[in-house]
Every structure is written in structure tokens, then in C-alpha cells.
Amino acid sequence: MRNRPLVLTTESARHPFRKMLPPHVLRVAEGNAAGRRKRPVDDDSDWKLFALSFCAFFTAFYSFIF
């Protein structure tokens, strides 16, 4: 007979490797994710791209005229 440690598995641990892991490894900590602040979204990236494209086109067009 083999002596194996008792492993309690969850239904979400379908892969054999995940079934071998202890339950505390698969548990998701909810307190840490809720306490974090989100970084502000960089909304001016479209304006920066527009300004860069406009300047590049204007420089190229101006250099062909003169």
C-alpha cells in the first residue's frame, strides 16, 4: 500500500498539477485587490499622436514645396 497525504481538491483545479497544490495556493485574496488605487488613465495619448502626425506631415509637405 502507498501512503499518500490527503489532498482536498476543488472543482476548478482540473489539471493534475493544480490538483496537487494545497488549497491556500489557489485561493484569491480579495482584500489586497480592493484596497489598491487605480492609476489615472492617460487620456491625452490620442492628442499627442495627432500632434506628432500633424507635425510630421506638415514638415514633410513643407519640405517638398520649398
Protein backbone atom coordinates (compact mmCIF):
# COMPACT_ATOMS: atom_id res chain seq x y z
CA MET A 1 0.00 0.00 0.00
CA ARG A 2 1.04 3.54 -0.66
CA ASN A 3 0.85 6.26 1.89
CA ARG A 4 -0.28 9.48 0.29
CA PRO A 5 -1.12 12.73 2.02
CA LEU A 6 -4.77 13.73 1.92
CA VAL A 7 -5.30 16.37 -0.74
CA LEU A 8 -8.57 18.23 -0.88
CA THR A 9 -9.17 19.42 -4.41
CA THR A 10 -11.57 21.92 -5.83
CA GLU A 11 -13.58 21.55 -9.00
CA SER A 12 -11.71 24.45 -10.57
CA ALA A 13 -8.39 22.59 -10.24
CA ARG A 14 -8.80 20.35 -13.25
CA HIS A 15 -5.16 19.99 -14.24
CA PRO A 16 -3.24 17.27 -12.36
CA PHE A 17 -0.56 19.72 -11.24
CA ARG A 18 -3.16 22.12 -9.81
CA LYS A 19 -4.83 19.23 -8.01
CA MET A 20 -1.56 18.52 -6.20
CA LEU A 21 -1.29 22.08 -4.87
CA PRO A 22 -2.62 22.88 -1.40
CA PRO A 23 -5.88 24.87 -1.29
CA HIS A 24 -4.30 28.07 0.06
CA VAL A 25 -2.24 28.42 -3.13
CA LEU A 26 -5.31 28.58 -5.36
CA ARG A 27 -7.22 30.96 -3.06
CA VAL A 28 -7.60 34.52 -4.35
CA ALA A 29 -7.01 37.30 -1.83
CA GLU A 30 -9.86 39.80 -2.17
CA GLY A 31 -8.67 42.34 0.39
CA ASN A 32 -5.47 43.31 -1.42
CA ALA A 33 -7.06 43.95 -4.80
CA ALA A 34 -9.86 46.14 -3.43
CA GLY A 35 -7.52 48.35 -1.38
CA ARG A 36 -5.33 49.37 -4.28
CA ARG A 37 -5.92 52.61 -6.10
CA LYS A 38 -6.10 52.57 -9.86
CA ARG A 39 -3.72 54.75 -11.77
CA PRO A 40 -5.34 57.60 -13.68
CA VAL A 41 -5.96 56.82 -17.32
CA ASP A 42 -3.72 58.65 -19.79
CA ASP A 43 -6.41 60.34 -21.89
CA ASP A 44 -4.12 62.66 -23.85
CA SER A 45 -2.35 59.92 -25.83
CA ASP A 46 -4.67 60.47 -28.82
CA TRP A 47 -3.92 64.19 -28.84
CA LYS A 48 -0.20 63.52 -28.63
CA LEU A 49 -0.39 61.12 -31.57
CA PHE A 50 -2.45 63.61 -33.59
CA ALA A 51 0.01 66.45 -32.88
CA LEU A 52 3.01 64.28 -33.76
CA SER A 53 1.40 63.08 -37.01
CA PHE A 54 0.35 66.61 -37.94
CA CYS A 55 3.85 68.00 -37.34
CA ALA A 56 5.47 65.17 -39.30
CA PHE A 57 3.10 65.63 -42.26
CA PHE A 58 3.48 69.41 -42.17
CA THR A 59 7.30 69.14 -42.11
CA ALA A 60 7.34 66.65 -44.99
CA PHE A 61 4.82 68.66 -47.06
CA TYR A 62 6.65 71.95 -46.38
CA SER A 63 10.00 70.44 -47.39
CA PHE A 64 8.59 69.26 -50.74
CA ILE A 65 7.17 72.70 -51.57
CA PHE A 66 10.35 74.65 -50.81
